[in-house]
Amino acid sequence: MNIHLVDGTFELFRAFYARSARDGPAPANDAAVRGLARSLLALLAEPGVTHVAVAFDHEIESFRNEMFTGYKRGDGIDPVLLAQFGPAEVICGALGIVTWPMVEFEADDALASAAERFANQSGVRQTVLCSPDKDLAQCVRGQRVVCLDRMRRRVLDEAGVCEKFGVLPRSIPDWLALVGDSADGIPGIPRWGAKSAATLLARYGRLEDIPEDLESWDVPVRGAAALAENLRAGRADAHLFRELATLRLDVPIAESLDDLRWRGPHDSLQVLAADMKDEFLWRRARKIAEDRRAANPS
C-alpha cells in the first residue's frame, strides 16, 4: 500500500488563489474550501490511493515564533482565506479523511511525524508527502518516502532531492539555514546562495562540520572569503535557523495505519455540500467509494 499525507494548508492556499484568478478579487467565501474538497476527491479517485491524511496549520503561529520573532505569522493572510481554515478541516473530516489541525506544531511537523511513524510499517510500500514545500525534502528516504508536487505531477525521491538541491535530504535544514526560506521568514546568512551552500554541504554535510578556517576548505567556492567571514559571524544565527527549518518527528498522532484507510464520506458531507450549493461533492465522493467497493468487494 501507499500512504498519501497531504499539506492541507498549501492545498487551501492554492485553491483560494486559483479561484481568485478566475473569479476576480472577491471570490465566494467558501471558494477555497470547495476547491480543496475537489482536489482531494481527485486524489482519492486515483488508482492506489487507499490511505490518506491531511494536516492544517489550525493556528498560523507555532512554537517557532517563540524561538525567532521574524518567523512567519498570519498577519498578511487575506481574511477571507483565513476564515476558511476551520471549514476546510470540517469538510476534510466529512470526506472521511483523517485530519490533523495543528496548534503548537505546524502542518509539516505532522506530515514529517506521520512519515516517520508509518513509512516502515508492514505492508507500506511508499509514503507520499503531497506538497512542493522545500522543507519536506528533509523527510525523503530513498524511494520509500517521497515528495509529490501534485500540480506538476513531479515526484521527488532521494536522487531527485540531490539533483534539485545539491545535497542529501538530511542536509536540507542546514541548506535552508544558510540560504534562507522567505516563505517561513528565515533570512539565511548573507551572501550564501543555493549553489555555495550546496557545494559546502555536499562536502561537509552539516553546518558544524564546515571549517571556520577558510584555508581548510578543500572545495572551490566563488566568493569564499566573504562566505567564510559571514558564516563565522553568523554561526549562532545559522544554528538557530537550522533548528527552525528542522521538522519535528514527535507530533502526537493517535491514529493507527488502518485508521488512515479511506472508507468513503460521512453522511455529514451531504449536508455540507447542500449548504455550499455544491451537490457534486457528495455525488462524486459517494461514486468514488462505490467504485472502490465494487473493485475490492472484500
Protein backbone atom coordinates (compact mmCIF):
# COMPACT_ATOMS: atom_id res chain seq x y z
CA MET A 1 0.00 0.00 0.00
CA ASN A 2 0.92 3.66 -0.41
CA ILE A 3 0.21 6.35 2.18
CA HIS A 4 -0.62 9.87 0.98
CA LEU A 5 -0.02 12.66 3.50
CA VAL A 6 -1.42 15.98 2.27
CA ASP A 7 -0.35 19.50 3.17
CA GLY A 8 -3.85 20.94 3.64
CA THR A 9 -2.57 24.47 4.23
CA PHE A 10 -0.82 24.51 0.87
CA GLU A 11 -3.85 22.99 -0.86
CA LEU A 12 -6.16 25.59 0.67
CA PHE A 13 -3.88 28.46 -0.37
CA ARG A 14 -3.62 27.03 -3.87
CA ALA A 15 -7.39 26.65 -4.18
CA PHE A 16 -8.01 30.17 -2.89
CA TYR A 17 -5.64 31.93 -5.27
CA ALA A 18 -6.62 29.76 -8.23
CA ARG A 19 -10.24 30.72 -7.62
CA SER A 20 -9.30 34.38 -7.15
CA ALA A 21 -7.52 34.34 -10.50
CA ARG A 22 -10.71 33.10 -12.16
CA ASP A 23 -13.36 34.99 -10.20
CA GLY A 24 -11.57 38.26 -9.52
CA PRO A 25 -10.65 39.91 -6.22
CA ALA A 26 -13.84 38.84 -4.41
CA PRO A 27 -14.32 35.07 -4.77
CA ALA A 28 -17.08 33.33 -2.80
CA ASN A 29 -16.41 32.94 0.92
CA ASP A 30 -16.25 29.15 0.59
CA ALA A 31 -14.46 29.00 -2.76
CA ALA A 32 -11.17 27.72 -1.32
CA VAL A 33 -12.96 25.05 0.72
CA ARG A 34 -14.79 23.79 -2.36
CA GLY A 35 -11.58 23.85 -4.39
CA LEU A 36 -9.75 21.93 -1.68
CA ALA A 37 -12.51 19.31 -1.48
CA ARG A 38 -12.48 18.78 -5.24
CA SER A 39 -8.71 18.46 -5.23
CA LEU A 40 -8.86 15.80 -2.52
CA LEU A 41 -11.60 13.93 -4.40
CA ALA A 42 -9.33 13.89 -7.45
CA LEU A 43 -6.60 12.37 -5.30
CA LEU A 44 -8.95 9.75 -3.84
CA ALA A 45 -10.06 8.76 -7.34
CA GLU A 46 -6.51 7.88 -8.38
CA PRO A 47 -5.59 4.17 -8.50
CA GLY A 48 -3.62 3.01 -5.49
CA VAL A 49 -4.70 5.85 -3.18
CA THR A 50 -6.04 3.97 -0.17
CA HIS A 51 -4.59 5.54 2.99
CA VAL A 52 -4.82 9.32 3.31
CA ALA A 53 -4.41 12.02 5.95
CA VAL A 54 -4.33 15.80 5.72
CA ALA A 55 -2.71 18.32 8.06
CA PHE A 56 -3.55 22.00 8.55
CA ASP A 57 -1.99 24.96 10.32
CA HIS A 58 -5.05 25.49 12.51
CA GLU A 59 -3.09 28.32 14.14
CA ILE A 60 -0.70 30.05 11.75
CA GLU A 61 1.81 30.62 14.54
CA SER A 62 3.63 27.79 16.30
CA PHE A 63 6.36 27.16 18.87
CA ARG A 64 8.85 28.51 16.31
CA ASN A 65 7.50 32.04 16.74
CA GLU A 66 8.73 31.94 20.34
CA MET A 67 12.20 31.00 19.10
CA PHE A 68 12.50 33.72 16.45
CA THR A 69 10.41 36.89 16.18
CA GLY A 70 10.90 37.06 12.42
CA TYR A 71 9.30 33.68 11.80
CA LYS A 72 6.19 33.61 9.60
CA ARG A 73 2.96 34.94 11.04
CA GLY A 74 -0.63 35.12 9.85
CA ASP A 75 -0.78 38.91 9.73
CA GLY A 76 -0.66 39.21 5.95
CA ILE A 77 -3.10 36.44 5.09
CA ASP A 78 -6.29 37.50 3.33
CA PRO A 79 -9.08 37.44 5.98
CA VAL A 80 -11.39 35.65 3.52
CA LEU A 81 -8.81 32.87 3.19
CA LEU A 82 -8.06 32.79 6.92
CA ALA A 83 -11.77 32.31 7.68
CA GLN A 84 -11.83 29.15 5.55
CA PHE A 85 -9.31 27.15 7.60
CA GLY A 86 -11.91 25.89 10.10
CA PRO A 87 -14.47 24.91 7.41
CA ALA A 88 -11.69 23.24 5.43
CA GLU A 89 -10.87 20.99 8.37
CA VAL A 90 -14.56 20.18 8.80
CA ILE A 91 -15.09 19.22 5.18
CA CYS A 92 -11.98 17.04 5.15
CA GLY A 93 -13.37 15.15 8.11
CA ALA A 94 -16.73 14.83 6.33
CA LEU A 95 -14.92 13.42 3.30
CA GLY A 96 -13.78 10.64 5.61
CA ILE A 97 -10.14 11.73 5.59
CA VAL A 98 -8.10 11.71 8.80
CA THR A 99 -7.45 15.38 9.60
CA TRP A 100 -4.77 16.85 11.84
CA PRO A 101 -5.31 20.54 12.81
CA MET A 102 -2.03 21.80 14.25
CA VAL A 103 -1.81 24.41 17.00
CA GLU A 104 1.53 24.15 18.81
CA PHE A 105 3.18 22.42 15.86
CA GLU A 106 2.89 23.09 12.12
CA ALA A 107 1.22 21.01 9.43
CA ASP A 108 4.62 20.00 8.06
CA ASP A 109 5.61 18.69 11.50
CA ALA A 110 2.56 16.45 11.47
CA LEU A 111 3.38 15.15 7.98
CA ALA A 112 7.01 14.51 8.97
CA SER A 113 5.97 12.71 12.16
CA ALA A 114 3.45 10.57 10.28
CA ALA A 115 6.03 9.64 7.66
CA GLU A 116 8.48 8.69 10.39
CA ARG A 117 5.87 6.57 12.15
CA PHE A 118 4.23 4.78 9.23
CA ALA A 119 6.83 4.51 6.45
CA ASN A 120 8.46 1.33 7.74
CA GLN A 121 5.34 -0.43 8.92
CA SER A 122 4.48 -3.79 7.42
CA GLY A 123 2.68 -3.54 4.10
CA VAL A 124 3.67 0.06 3.37
CA ARG A 125 5.42 0.32 0.02
CA GLN A 126 5.71 4.08 -0.24
CA THR A 127 4.82 7.18 1.76
CA VAL A 128 3.96 10.18 -0.40
CA LEU A 129 4.20 13.70 1.05
CA CYS A 130 1.82 15.72 -1.12
CA SER A 131 3.45 19.13 -1.07
CA PRO A 132 6.09 21.08 -3.03
CA ASP A 133 7.45 22.71 0.17
CA LYS A 134 11.24 22.64 0.30
CA ASP A 135 11.44 21.78 3.99
CA LEU A 136 9.62 18.46 3.49
CA ALA A 137 12.51 17.31 1.27
CA GLN A 138 14.38 16.52 4.50
CA CYS A 139 11.92 13.64 5.08
CA VAL A 140 12.69 11.86 1.81
CA ARG A 141 14.22 8.41 2.19
CA GLY A 142 15.27 6.62 -0.99
CA GLN A 143 12.04 5.84 -2.80
CA ARG A 144 10.16 4.79 0.35
CA VAL A 145 9.35 8.36 1.38
CA VAL A 146 8.95 10.83 -1.47
CA CYS A 147 7.52 14.29 -2.08
CA LEU A 148 4.85 14.85 -4.72
CA ASP A 149 4.10 18.17 -6.37
CA ARG A 150 0.54 17.39 -7.45
CA MET A 151 0.27 20.44 -9.71
CA ARG A 152 3.29 19.48 -11.79
CA ARG A 153 2.93 15.72 -11.27
CA ARG A 154 6.55 15.66 -10.17
CA VAL A 155 7.84 13.09 -7.69
CA LEU A 156 10.98 13.87 -5.69
CA ASP A 157 12.82 10.83 -4.37
CA GLU A 158 16.26 10.91 -2.74
CA ALA A 159 18.07 11.13 -6.09
CA GLY A 160 15.70 13.94 -7.06
CA VAL A 161 16.44 15.88 -3.87
CA CYS A 162 20.17 15.61 -4.59
CA GLU A 163 19.63 16.77 -8.16
CA LYS A 164 17.37 19.69 -7.21
CA PHE A 165 19.16 21.00 -4.12
CA GLY A 166 22.65 19.55 -4.47
CA VAL A 167 22.56 17.93 -1.03
CA LEU A 168 21.21 14.81 0.63
CA PRO A 169 17.81 15.07 2.37
CA ARG A 170 19.44 15.08 5.82
CA SER A 171 21.28 18.30 4.89
CA ILE A 172 18.16 20.22 3.80
CA PRO A 173 17.74 22.00 7.20
CA ASP A 174 21.40 23.12 7.02
CA TRP A 175 20.88 24.26 3.42
CA LEU A 176 17.79 26.26 4.38
CA ALA A 177 19.65 27.78 7.33
CA LEU A 178 22.32 29.15 5.01
CA VAL A 179 20.16 30.07 2.01
CA GLY A 180 17.07 31.15 3.93
CA ASP A 181 13.41 30.47 3.26
CA SER A 182 11.31 33.55 2.63
CA ALA A 183 8.06 31.58 2.93
CA ASP A 184 8.88 30.80 6.55
CA GLY A 185 10.59 34.06 7.44
CA ILE A 186 14.07 32.50 7.70
CA PRO A 187 16.55 35.12 6.41
CA GLY A 188 19.60 32.89 5.94
CA ILE A 189 23.21 34.01 6.13
CA PRO A 190 24.29 37.00 3.99
CA ARG A 191 25.98 36.18 0.67
CA TRP A 192 25.15 32.48 0.93
CA GLY A 193 23.23 31.26 -2.11
CA ALA A 194 21.87 27.91 -3.20
CA LYS A 195 25.00 26.93 -5.13
CA SER A 196 27.56 27.86 -2.49
CA ALA A 197 25.52 26.20 0.27
CA ALA A 198 25.12 23.04 -1.81
CA THR A 199 28.84 22.91 -2.61
CA LEU A 200 29.95 23.18 1.02
CA LEU A 201 27.25 20.93 2.44
CA ALA A 202 27.79 18.27 -0.21
CA ARG A 203 31.36 18.15 1.02
CA TYR A 204 30.90 18.58 4.78
CA GLY A 205 27.27 17.57 5.43
CA ARG A 206 26.43 19.75 8.42
CA LEU A 207 26.95 23.36 9.46
CA GLU A 208 29.24 22.46 12.36
CA ASP A 209 31.48 20.46 10.04
CA ILE A 210 32.20 23.37 7.70
CA PRO A 211 35.67 24.54 8.85
CA GLU A 212 35.89 28.03 10.33
CA ASP A 213 39.30 28.44 8.76
CA LEU A 214 38.95 29.30 5.07
CA GLU A 215 42.29 27.65 4.35
CA SER A 216 40.76 24.32 5.37
CA TRP A 217 38.05 24.46 2.71
CA ASP A 218 39.03 21.89 0.13
CA VAL A 219 36.30 22.64 -2.42
CA PRO A 220 36.30 25.71 -4.68
CA VAL A 221 33.54 28.22 -3.91
CA ARG A 222 33.06 31.61 -5.52
CA GLY A 223 33.45 34.47 -3.03
CA ALA A 224 34.78 32.05 -0.42
CA ALA A 225 36.37 34.73 1.77
CA ALA A 226 33.12 36.65 2.25
CA LEU A 227 31.17 33.44 2.78
CA ALA A 228 33.58 32.25 5.43
CA GLU A 229 33.54 35.59 7.22
CA ASN A 230 29.74 35.81 7.20
CA LEU A 231 29.37 32.26 8.45
CA ARG A 232 31.92 32.87 11.19
CA ALA A 233 29.99 35.95 12.31
CA GLY A 234 26.61 34.28 11.96
CA ARG A 235 27.24 30.80 13.34
CA ALA A 236 24.74 31.22 16.16
CA ASP A 237 22.10 32.52 13.74
CA ALA A 238 22.77 29.65 11.35
CA HIS A 239 22.22 27.08 14.08
CA LEU A 240 19.00 28.81 15.12
CA PHE A 241 17.78 28.91 11.53
CA ARG A 242 18.57 25.21 11.15
CA GLU A 243 16.51 24.45 14.24
CA LEU A 244 13.62 26.44 12.78
CA ALA A 245 13.91 24.53 9.50
CA THR A 246 14.12 21.09 11.12
CA LEU A 247 10.75 19.38 11.15
CA ARG A 248 9.63 17.74 14.37
CA LEU A 249 9.11 13.99 14.44
CA ASP A 250 7.34 13.81 17.79
CA VAL A 251 3.89 15.22 16.98
CA PRO A 252 1.33 13.10 18.86
CA ILE A 253 -0.63 11.08 16.31
CA ALA A 254 -3.40 8.96 17.76
CA GLU A 255 -4.41 7.15 14.57
CA SER A 256 -3.14 3.73 13.54
CA LEU A 257 -2.17 2.84 10.00
CA ASP A 258 -5.56 1.20 9.47
CA ASP A 259 -7.30 4.40 10.59
CA LEU A 260 -5.80 6.13 7.55
CA ARG A 261 -7.62 3.78 5.17
CA TRP A 262 -10.26 5.76 3.28
CA ARG A 263 -13.65 4.12 3.62
CA GLY A 264 -15.82 6.75 1.98
CA PRO A 265 -17.51 10.01 3.00
CA HIS A 266 -19.57 10.56 6.12
CA ASP A 267 -23.24 11.49 5.85
CA SER A 268 -22.35 14.97 7.09
CA LEU A 269 -20.79 15.68 3.68
CA GLN A 270 -24.24 15.61 2.07
CA VAL A 271 -25.42 18.34 4.43
CA LEU A 272 -22.27 20.43 3.93
CA ALA A 273 -22.46 20.08 0.15
CA ALA A 274 -26.08 21.22 0.20
CA ASP A 275 -25.19 24.21 2.37
CA MET A 276 -22.48 25.16 -0.14
CA LYS A 277 -24.86 24.53 -3.07
CA ASP A 278 -22.32 22.09 -4.48
CA GLU A 279 -24.07 18.72 -4.69
CA PHE A 280 -21.23 17.47 -6.89
CA LEU A 281 -19.06 16.95 -3.83
CA TRP A 282 -21.44 14.45 -2.27
CA ARG A 283 -22.23 12.65 -5.53
CA ARG A 284 -18.58 12.39 -6.51
CA ALA A 285 -17.36 11.20 -3.10
CA ARG A 286 -20.09 8.56 -2.94
CA LYS A 287 -19.32 7.39 -6.51
CA ILE A 288 -15.60 7.00 -5.74
CA ALA A 289 -16.43 4.97 -2.64
CA GLU A 290 -18.91 2.78 -4.55
CA ASP A 291 -16.44 2.14 -7.38
CA ARG A 292 -13.79 1.20 -4.84
CA ARG A 293 -16.08 -1.26 -3.07
CA ALA A 294 -17.08 -2.79 -6.40
CA ALA A 295 -13.43 -3.24 -7.40
CA ASN A 296 -12.48 -4.66 -3.98
CA PRO A 297 -15.55 -6.39 -2.57
CA SER A 298 -13.53 -7.99 0.25
